Amino acid sequence: MDLISAGHNRSYEDFKKQISPSVKPVFDTLREYCLSLMEPQHDSILIKIKSDRKEPQKDIVIKPSQNLDEIKNLLLDAYNAIH
């Protein structure tokens, strides 16, 4: 499971070359929204997760050396909770 990459070790620029012009605006809007859920900090990244409007937002601080598997699972759980 790789929720963060554009897929198969492609750069975003490579991905944009392969996406159809009609889909690109939708993709860019979703990409912008996903990036808005993250805030760079001095030595970390803050990710905001809210899987239900009745639950409080979870703020997760990610350090450069941290394993991302747990974060990916939290994002997947939040995604599944709203769908």
N, C-alpha and C. Protein backbone atom coordinates (compact mmCIF):
# COMPACT_ATOMS: atom_id res chain seq x y z
N MET A 1 0.85 -1.17 0.00
CA MET A 1 0.00 0.00 0.00
C MET A 1 0.89 1.23 0.00
N ASP A 2 0.71 2.13 -0.97
CA ASP A 2 1.51 3.34 -1.03
C ASP A 2 0.58 4.50 -1.31
N LEU A 3 0.15 5.18 -0.27
CA LEU A 3 -0.81 6.26 -0.41
C LEU A 3 -0.17 7.58 -0.80
N ILE A 4 1.13 7.69 -0.65
CA ILE A 4 1.77 8.98 -0.82
C ILE A 4 2.34 9.18 -2.22
N SER A 5 2.87 8.17 -2.83
CA SER A 5 3.54 8.36 -4.12
C SER A 5 2.53 8.45 -5.25
N ALA A 6 3.02 8.98 -6.36
CA ALA A 6 2.20 9.05 -7.56
C ALA A 6 2.18 7.70 -8.27
N GLY A 7 2.88 6.73 -7.75
CA GLY A 7 2.83 5.38 -8.27
C GLY A 7 4.09 4.97 -9.00
N HIS A 8 4.55 3.78 -8.77
CA HIS A 8 5.64 3.14 -9.49
C HIS A 8 6.86 4.04 -9.68
N ASN A 9 7.25 4.75 -8.66
CA ASN A 9 8.46 5.58 -8.67
C ASN A 9 8.46 6.64 -9.76
N ARG A 10 7.30 7.08 -10.20
CA ARG A 10 7.21 8.17 -11.17
C ARG A 10 7.21 9.49 -10.41
N SER A 11 7.78 10.50 -11.02
CA SER A 11 7.68 11.83 -10.43
C SER A 11 6.30 12.40 -10.77
N TYR A 12 5.94 13.46 -10.07
CA TYR A 12 4.65 14.09 -10.36
C TYR A 12 4.65 14.63 -11.79
N GLU A 13 5.77 15.14 -12.25
CA GLU A 13 5.86 15.65 -13.63
C GLU A 13 5.62 14.52 -14.64
N ASP A 14 6.20 13.34 -14.40
CA ASP A 14 5.96 12.19 -15.28
C ASP A 14 4.49 11.80 -15.26
N PHE A 15 3.91 11.79 -14.07
CA PHE A 15 2.51 11.42 -13.93
C PHE A 15 1.62 12.39 -14.71
N LYS A 16 1.91 13.69 -14.60
CA LYS A 16 1.10 14.70 -15.29
C LYS A 16 1.14 14.51 -16.80
N LYS A 17 2.25 14.03 -17.33
CA LYS A 17 2.36 13.81 -18.78
C LYS A 17 1.45 12.67 -19.23
N GLN A 18 1.15 11.74 -18.34
CA GLN A 18 0.36 10.56 -18.70
C GLN A 18 -1.13 10.72 -18.43
N ILE A 19 -1.51 11.71 -17.66
CA ILE A 19 -2.91 11.87 -17.29
C ILE A 19 -3.65 12.63 -18.40
N SER A 20 -4.89 12.27 -18.65
CA SER A 20 -5.64 12.93 -19.72
C SER A 20 -5.98 14.37 -19.31
N PRO A 21 -6.04 15.27 -20.28
CA PRO A 21 -6.33 16.68 -19.98
C PRO A 21 -7.66 16.88 -19.25
N SER A 22 -8.63 16.03 -19.51
CA SER A 22 -9.93 16.20 -18.86
C SER A 22 -9.90 15.81 -17.38
N VAL A 23 -8.98 14.92 -17.00
CA VAL A 23 -8.88 14.45 -15.62
C VAL A 23 -7.90 15.31 -14.81
N LYS A 24 -6.96 15.97 -15.47
CA LYS A 24 -5.92 16.71 -14.77
C LYS A 24 -6.47 17.75 -13.78
N PRO A 25 -7.47 18.57 -14.12
CA PRO A 25 -7.97 19.53 -13.13
C PRO A 25 -8.53 18.87 -11.87
N VAL A 26 -9.21 17.75 -12.03
CA VAL A 26 -9.76 17.04 -10.87
C VAL A 26 -8.61 16.47 -10.03
N PHE A 27 -7.65 15.88 -10.70
CA PHE A 27 -6.50 15.33 -9.99
C PHE A 27 -5.76 16.42 -9.22
N ASP A 28 -5.53 17.56 -9.86
CA ASP A 28 -4.82 18.66 -9.22
C ASP A 28 -5.59 19.20 -8.01
N THR A 29 -6.90 19.25 -8.11
CA THR A 29 -7.71 19.71 -6.98
C THR A 29 -7.59 18.75 -5.81
N LEU A 30 -7.68 17.45 -6.09
CA LEU A 30 -7.53 16.46 -5.02
C LEU A 30 -6.12 16.47 -4.43
N ARG A 31 -5.13 16.62 -5.27
CA ARG A 31 -3.74 16.68 -4.80
C ARG A 31 -3.54 17.89 -3.89
N GLU A 32 -4.08 19.03 -4.30
CA GLU A 32 -3.98 20.24 -3.49
C GLU A 32 -4.65 20.05 -2.13
N TYR A 33 -5.83 19.42 -2.13
CA TYR A 33 -6.53 19.16 -0.88
C TYR A 33 -5.71 18.25 0.04
N CYS A 34 -5.17 17.19 -0.53
CA CYS A 34 -4.35 16.27 0.28
C CYS A 34 -3.14 16.98 0.87
N LEU A 35 -2.51 17.83 0.08
CA LEU A 35 -1.36 18.58 0.60
C LEU A 35 -1.78 19.56 1.68
N SER A 36 -3.02 20.05 1.62
CA SER A 36 -3.49 20.99 2.65
C SER A 36 -3.67 20.32 4.01
N LEU A 37 -3.72 19.00 4.04
CA LEU A 37 -3.86 18.27 5.30
C LEU A 37 -2.52 18.14 6.02
N MET A 38 -1.45 18.59 5.37
CA MET A 38 -0.12 18.50 5.97
C MET A 38 0.45 19.90 6.14
N GLU A 39 1.15 20.09 7.25
CA GLU A 39 1.82 21.36 7.49
C GLU A 39 3.28 21.09 7.83
N PRO A 40 4.20 21.73 7.10
CA PRO A 40 5.60 21.55 7.46
C PRO A 40 5.89 22.25 8.78
N GLN A 41 6.65 21.60 9.61
CA GLN A 41 7.11 22.16 10.87
C GLN A 41 8.63 22.30 10.77
N HIS A 42 9.24 22.80 11.81
CA HIS A 42 10.70 23.00 11.77
C HIS A 42 11.45 21.70 11.49
N ASP A 43 11.13 20.65 12.22
CA ASP A 43 11.84 19.38 12.05
C ASP A 43 10.88 18.20 11.93
N SER A 44 9.68 18.48 11.43
CA SER A 44 8.67 17.43 11.31
C SER A 44 7.58 17.88 10.34
N ILE A 45 6.61 17.01 10.15
CA ILE A 45 5.42 17.32 9.35
C ILE A 45 4.21 17.05 10.24
N LEU A 46 3.28 17.97 10.25
CA LEU A 46 2.04 17.80 11.00
C LEU A 46 0.96 17.36 10.02
N ILE A 47 0.32 16.23 10.31
CA ILE A 47 -0.78 15.74 9.49
C ILE A 47 -2.05 15.81 10.32
N LYS A 48 -3.11 16.32 9.70
CA LYS A 48 -4.40 16.44 10.37
C LYS A 48 -5.36 15.40 9.80
N ILE A 49 -5.89 14.57 10.67
CA ILE A 49 -6.81 13.51 10.25
C ILE A 49 -8.12 13.66 11.00
N LYS A 50 -9.21 13.62 10.26
CA LYS A 50 -10.53 13.64 10.87
C LYS A 50 -11.39 12.64 10.11
N SER A 51 -11.75 11.54 10.76
CA SER A 51 -12.47 10.49 10.05
C SER A 51 -13.97 10.58 10.24
N ASP A 52 -14.42 11.49 11.09
CA ASP A 52 -15.85 11.66 11.33
C ASP A 52 -16.06 13.07 11.87
N ARG A 53 -17.11 13.74 11.42
CA ARG A 53 -17.30 15.12 11.88
C ARG A 53 -17.60 15.20 13.37
N LYS A 54 -18.03 14.09 13.96
CA LYS A 54 -18.33 14.08 15.39
C LYS A 54 -17.09 13.83 16.24
N GLU A 55 -16.03 13.36 15.62
CA GLU A 55 -14.79 13.08 16.34
C GLU A 55 -13.87 14.29 16.25
N PRO A 56 -13.04 14.49 17.27
CA PRO A 56 -12.06 15.58 17.17
C PRO A 56 -10.98 15.24 16.15
N GLN A 57 -10.39 16.26 15.60
CA GLN A 57 -9.29 16.09 14.66
C GLN A 57 -8.09 15.49 15.37
N LYS A 58 -7.41 14.57 14.70
CA LYS A 58 -6.17 13.99 15.23
C LYS A 58 -5.00 14.71 14.56
N ASP A 59 -4.13 15.27 15.35
CA ASP A 59 -2.92 15.89 14.83
C ASP A 59 -1.77 14.92 15.07
N ILE A 60 -1.10 14.54 14.01
CA ILE A 60 -0.01 13.58 14.10
C ILE A 60 1.27 14.25 13.63
N VAL A 61 2.30 14.19 14.46
CA VAL A 61 3.59 14.76 14.11
C VAL A 61 4.49 13.63 13.60
N ILE A 62 5.05 13.85 12.41
CA ILE A 62 5.90 12.84 11.79
C ILE A 62 7.33 13.37 11.73
N LYS A 63 8.23 12.60 12.28
CA LYS A 63 9.66 12.94 12.27
C LYS A 63 10.33 12.26 11.07
N PRO A 64 11.44 12.81 10.58
CA PRO A 64 12.10 12.24 9.39
C PRO A 64 12.49 10.77 9.53
N SER A 65 12.84 10.33 10.71
CA SER A 65 13.29 8.94 10.89
C SER A 65 12.15 7.97 11.18
N GLN A 66 10.93 8.47 11.26
CA GLN A 66 9.79 7.66 11.65
C GLN A 66 9.35 6.72 10.53
N ASN A 67 8.92 5.52 10.91
CA ASN A 67 8.35 4.57 9.97
C ASN A 67 6.96 5.06 9.57
N LEU A 68 6.67 5.11 8.29
CA LEU A 68 5.41 5.66 7.80
C LEU A 68 4.28 4.64 7.71
N ASP A 69 4.55 3.38 7.98
CA ASP A 69 3.50 2.36 7.87
C ASP A 69 2.30 2.66 8.77
N GLU A 70 2.56 3.06 10.00
CA GLU A 70 1.46 3.37 10.93
C GLU A 70 0.65 4.57 10.43
N ILE A 71 1.33 5.57 9.92
CA ILE A 71 0.65 6.76 9.39
C ILE A 71 -0.21 6.39 8.18
N LYS A 72 0.33 5.57 7.31
CA LYS A 72 -0.43 5.13 6.14
C LYS A 72 -1.68 4.38 6.57
N ASN A 73 -1.57 3.55 7.59
CA ASN A 73 -2.74 2.81 8.09
C ASN A 73 -3.77 3.76 8.69
N LEU A 74 -3.33 4.79 9.42
CA LEU A 74 -4.26 5.77 9.97
C LEU A 74 -4.99 6.51 8.86
N LEU A 75 -4.27 6.89 7.81
CA LEU A 75 -4.90 7.56 6.68
C LEU A 75 -5.90 6.64 5.98
N LEU A 76 -5.53 5.40 5.80
CA LEU A 76 -6.43 4.44 5.17
C LEU A 76 -7.68 4.21 6.03
N ASP A 77 -7.50 4.09 7.34
CA ASP A 77 -8.65 3.92 8.24
C ASP A 77 -9.58 5.12 8.18
N ALA A 78 -9.01 6.33 8.15
CA ALA A 78 -9.84 7.53 8.07
C ALA A 78 -10.59 7.56 6.74
N TYR A 79 -9.91 7.21 5.67
CA TYR A 79 -10.54 7.16 4.35
C TYR A 79 -11.69 6.16 4.34
N ASN A 80 -11.45 4.98 4.87
CA ASN A 80 -12.49 3.95 4.90
C ASN A 80 -13.66 4.34 5.79
N ALA A 81 -13.41 5.10 6.84
CA ALA A 81 -14.47 5.51 7.76
C ALA A 81 -15.45 6.48 7.10
N ILE A 82 -14.96 7.25 6.13
CA ILE A 82 -15.85 8.23 5.51
C ILE A 82 -16.46 7.72 4.20
N HIS A 83 -16.10 6.51 3.80
CA HIS A 83 -16.67 5.95 2.57
C HIS A 83 -17.47 4.72 2.86
